[in-house]
Amino acid sequence: MNKKRILILISSVIVTVIVIVIVAQFYPVALVNWQLISFQTFKKDSAAAIYYYQKALETYSKNDIAVINSSEVKQEIERAVFDKLIENVLIHQELRKRLKNNELERMVENKIEETIKGKNIEKEVKILYDLSLDEFKERLLKPQAEQEILASRLLLENKNFDEWLKEVKSKAKVIILLPNFKWKDGQVMIK
């Protein structure tokens, strides 16, 4: 092969990868201590949170349903989701330092199974969050389980989880790539 063909082949591969990343929404929206948070994750979690609040308002306060459609409310929900995603990454990073990967996975799976044991929650999850049961486990139950595991470990060390989290967030290297948000003083802020 000559150099021109090799260059065309490499260019084609690069363009294909870029198109796949953009279409599949795998591009990063944040780096947390150099670990990526993808646009796909951010949008899916934001959509689930907004959907949950819509359903809650429909159930408990039908007169306030229009509130959820305001751009300010949606942006605040997205900010809170973004902040929680960053916390989840920091908690996961700490647990990976403290536990072997297979031990962590086993503990998380046990906690999740303990939470849903004997319950058929698939229908409720779909109604409340518009997520499948597997997505619900991955997006909500797994981070909660990891938080509980770390909180119990810190408690054994006579440390407060909230204080630990505040300190870790203040020291974290966070780069936000979305134009509407910024990282300041250990939290996500709306610009």
Protein backbone atom coordinates (compact mmCIF):
# COMPACT_ATOMS: atom_id res chain seq x y z
CA MET A 1 0.00 0.00 0.00
CA ASN A 2 1.18 3.44 -0.71
CA LYS A 3 1.19 6.31 1.74
CA LYS A 4 -1.90 7.94 0.24
CA ARG A 5 -4.05 4.83 0.78
CA ILE A 6 -2.81 4.43 4.35
CA LEU A 7 -3.61 8.08 5.06
CA ILE A 8 -7.12 7.67 3.60
CA LEU A 9 -7.67 4.52 5.67
CA ILE A 10 -6.54 6.20 8.90
CA SER A 11 -8.67 9.26 8.16
CA SER A 12 -11.70 7.05 7.50
CA VAL A 13 -11.23 5.22 10.80
CA ILE A 14 -10.90 8.51 12.71
CA VAL A 15 -14.03 9.96 11.09
CA THR A 16 -15.96 6.75 11.81
CA VAL A 17 -14.94 6.79 15.47
CA ILE A 18 -15.91 10.47 15.79
CA VAL A 19 -19.32 9.85 14.21
CA ILE A 20 -19.96 6.86 16.50
CA VAL A 21 -18.97 8.88 19.58
CA ILE A 22 -21.24 11.78 18.61
CA VAL A 23 -24.24 9.68 17.56
CA ALA A 24 -23.99 7.40 20.60
CA GLN A 25 -23.43 10.46 22.86
CA PHE A 26 -20.33 8.98 24.50
CA TYR A 27 -18.46 12.25 24.46
CA PRO A 28 -17.44 13.59 27.86
CA VAL A 29 -19.28 16.35 29.71
CA ALA A 30 -16.96 16.23 32.71
CA LEU A 31 -13.68 14.83 33.95
CA VAL A 32 -13.50 13.91 37.63
CA ASN A 33 -9.91 13.19 38.61
CA TRP A 34 -9.49 12.25 34.94
CA GLN A 35 -12.46 9.85 34.93
CA LEU A 36 -15.04 10.69 32.27
CA ILE A 37 -18.75 11.33 32.70
CA SER A 38 -20.43 10.93 29.32
CA PHE A 39 -23.17 13.07 27.83
CA GLN A 40 -25.26 9.91 27.49
CA THR A 41 -25.06 9.23 31.24
CA PHE A 42 -25.80 12.85 32.12
CA LYS A 43 -28.81 13.05 29.78
CA LYS A 44 -30.25 9.69 30.85
CA ASP A 45 -29.98 10.52 34.55
CA SER A 46 -31.38 14.03 34.00
CA ALA A 47 -34.29 12.67 31.99
CA ALA A 48 -35.09 10.11 34.72
CA ALA A 49 -35.00 12.84 37.41
CA ILE A 50 -37.22 15.20 35.42
CA TYR A 51 -39.62 12.34 34.64
CA TYR A 52 -39.76 11.44 38.35
CA TYR A 53 -40.59 15.02 39.35
CA GLN A 54 -43.25 15.23 36.64
CA LYS A 55 -44.90 12.07 37.97
CA ALA A 56 -44.68 13.32 41.56
CA LEU A 57 -46.34 16.61 40.61
CA GLU A 58 -49.04 14.78 38.64
CA THR A 59 -49.76 12.69 41.72
CA TYR A 60 -49.46 15.20 44.55
CA SER A 61 -49.82 18.69 43.09
CA LYS A 62 -51.52 18.78 39.68
CA ASN A 63 -51.72 22.58 39.82
CA ASP A 64 -47.92 22.84 39.78
CA ILE A 65 -47.21 20.58 36.79
CA ALA A 66 -46.28 23.55 34.58
CA VAL A 67 -43.42 24.37 36.98
CA ILE A 68 -41.42 21.35 35.84
CA ASN A 69 -41.46 22.64 32.26
CA SER A 70 -39.71 25.92 33.12
CA SER A 71 -36.15 26.14 31.89
CA GLU A 72 -34.93 27.28 35.33
CA VAL A 73 -36.36 24.21 37.08
CA LYS A 74 -34.99 21.84 34.44
CA GLN A 75 -31.59 23.48 34.66
CA GLU A 76 -31.59 23.17 38.47
CA ILE A 77 -32.51 19.48 38.21
CA GLU A 78 -29.68 19.00 35.69
CA ARG A 79 -27.28 20.82 38.03
CA ALA A 80 -28.26 18.57 40.93
CA VAL A 81 -27.94 15.46 38.75
CA PHE A 82 -24.53 16.62 37.54
CA ASP A 83 -23.40 17.21 41.13
CA LYS A 84 -24.63 13.73 42.13
CA LEU A 85 -22.83 12.10 39.19
CA ILE A 86 -19.58 13.74 40.32
CA GLU A 87 -20.17 12.55 43.89
CA ASN A 88 -20.82 9.03 42.59
CA VAL A 89 -17.51 9.04 40.73
CA LEU A 90 -15.63 10.25 43.82
CA ILE A 91 -17.27 7.60 46.02
CA HIS A 92 -16.51 4.87 43.47
CA GLN A 93 -12.89 6.02 43.18
CA GLU A 94 -12.48 5.86 46.97
CA LEU A 95 -14.01 2.38 47.16
CA ARG A 96 -11.72 1.15 44.39
CA LYS A 97 -8.75 2.30 46.49
CA ARG A 98 -10.04 0.48 49.55
CA LEU A 99 -11.43 -2.75 48.06
CA LYS A 100 -10.54 -5.21 45.37
CA ASN A 101 -12.74 -4.76 42.31
CA ASN A 102 -14.43 -8.17 42.58
CA GLU A 103 -15.04 -7.62 46.31
CA LEU A 104 -16.66 -4.25 45.62
CA GLU A 105 -18.86 -5.71 42.86
CA ARG A 106 -19.99 -8.53 45.15
CA MET A 107 -20.80 -6.16 48.01
CA VAL A 108 -22.75 -3.82 45.73
CA GLU A 109 -24.68 -6.69 44.14
CA ASN A 110 -25.55 -8.09 47.60
CA LYS A 111 -26.81 -4.68 48.74
CA ILE A 112 -28.94 -4.26 45.61
CA GLU A 113 -30.39 -7.76 45.92
CA GLU A 114 -31.10 -7.16 49.61
CA THR A 115 -32.95 -3.96 48.71
CA ILE A 116 -35.23 -5.50 46.09
CA LYS A 117 -35.47 -9.02 47.48
CA GLY A 118 -38.97 -10.42 47.13
CA LYS A 119 -40.27 -7.29 45.44
CA ASN A 120 -41.53 -7.02 41.90
CA ILE A 121 -40.66 -3.38 41.26
CA GLU A 122 -40.17 -3.43 37.50
CA LYS A 123 -43.57 -1.83 36.77
CA GLU A 124 -43.15 0.84 39.45
CA VAL A 125 -39.66 1.72 38.22
CA LYS A 126 -40.99 2.17 34.68
CA ILE A 127 -43.87 4.32 35.92
CA LEU A 128 -41.78 6.50 38.27
CA TYR A 129 -38.51 6.85 36.36
CA ASP A 130 -39.18 5.58 32.83
CA LEU A 131 -36.24 3.21 33.27
CA SER A 132 -35.88 -0.54 32.91
CA LEU A 133 -35.10 -2.47 36.08
CA ASP A 134 -31.49 -2.97 34.94
CA GLU A 135 -31.09 0.77 34.26
CA PHE A 136 -32.64 1.54 37.66
CA LYS A 137 -30.17 -0.78 39.37
CA GLU A 138 -27.20 0.74 37.51
CA ARG A 139 -28.19 4.40 37.74
CA LEU A 140 -29.81 4.63 41.19
CA LEU A 141 -29.33 1.52 43.31
CA LYS A 142 -25.64 0.90 42.54
CA PRO A 143 -24.48 4.43 43.47
CA GLN A 144 -26.66 4.33 46.59
CA ALA A 145 -25.20 0.96 47.57
CA GLU A 146 -21.66 2.26 47.05
CA GLN A 147 -22.43 5.31 49.18
CA GLU A 148 -23.79 3.12 51.98
CA ILE A 149 -20.76 0.81 51.82
CA LEU A 150 -18.33 3.73 52.01
CA ALA A 151 -20.33 5.46 54.77
CA SER A 152 -20.23 2.30 56.88
CA ARG A 153 -16.47 1.93 56.29
CA LEU A 154 -15.89 5.53 57.31
CA LEU A 155 -18.08 5.07 60.38
CA LEU A 156 -15.82 2.21 61.48
CA GLU A 157 -12.94 4.68 61.23
CA ASN A 158 -14.92 7.24 63.29
CA LYS A 159 -15.24 9.51 60.26
CA ASN A 160 -18.35 11.32 59.11
CA PHE A 161 -19.37 10.57 55.50
CA ASP A 162 -20.72 14.07 54.81
CA GLU A 163 -17.54 15.70 56.07
CA TRP A 164 -15.43 13.25 54.06
CA LEU A 165 -17.45 13.99 50.91
CA LYS A 166 -17.20 17.75 51.39
CA GLU A 167 -13.43 17.51 51.78
CA VAL A 168 -12.98 15.20 48.79
CA LYS A 169 -15.17 17.40 46.59
CA SER A 170 -13.14 20.47 47.56
CA LYS A 171 -9.90 18.71 46.57
CA ALA A 172 -11.19 16.96 43.45
CA LYS A 173 -9.91 17.91 40.03
CA VAL A 174 -13.15 18.48 38.12
CA ILE A 175 -13.36 19.86 34.61
CA ILE A 176 -16.87 20.55 33.33
CA LEU A 177 -17.22 20.67 29.56
CA LEU A 178 -20.86 21.81 29.33
CA PRO A 179 -21.24 25.55 28.75
CA ASN A 180 -24.07 26.13 31.27
CA PHE A 181 -22.26 24.73 34.31
CA LYS A 182 -19.03 25.27 36.20
CA TRP A 183 -17.24 23.66 39.15
CA LYS A 184 -16.70 26.06 42.03
CA ASP A 185 -15.94 25.47 45.70
CA GLY A 186 -16.58 21.73 45.45
CA GLN A 187 -19.94 21.87 43.71
CA VAL A 188 -21.59 22.26 40.34
CA MET A 189 -22.91 25.76 39.74
CA ILE A 190 -25.11 27.20 37.01
CA LYS A 191 -23.32 29.89 34.99
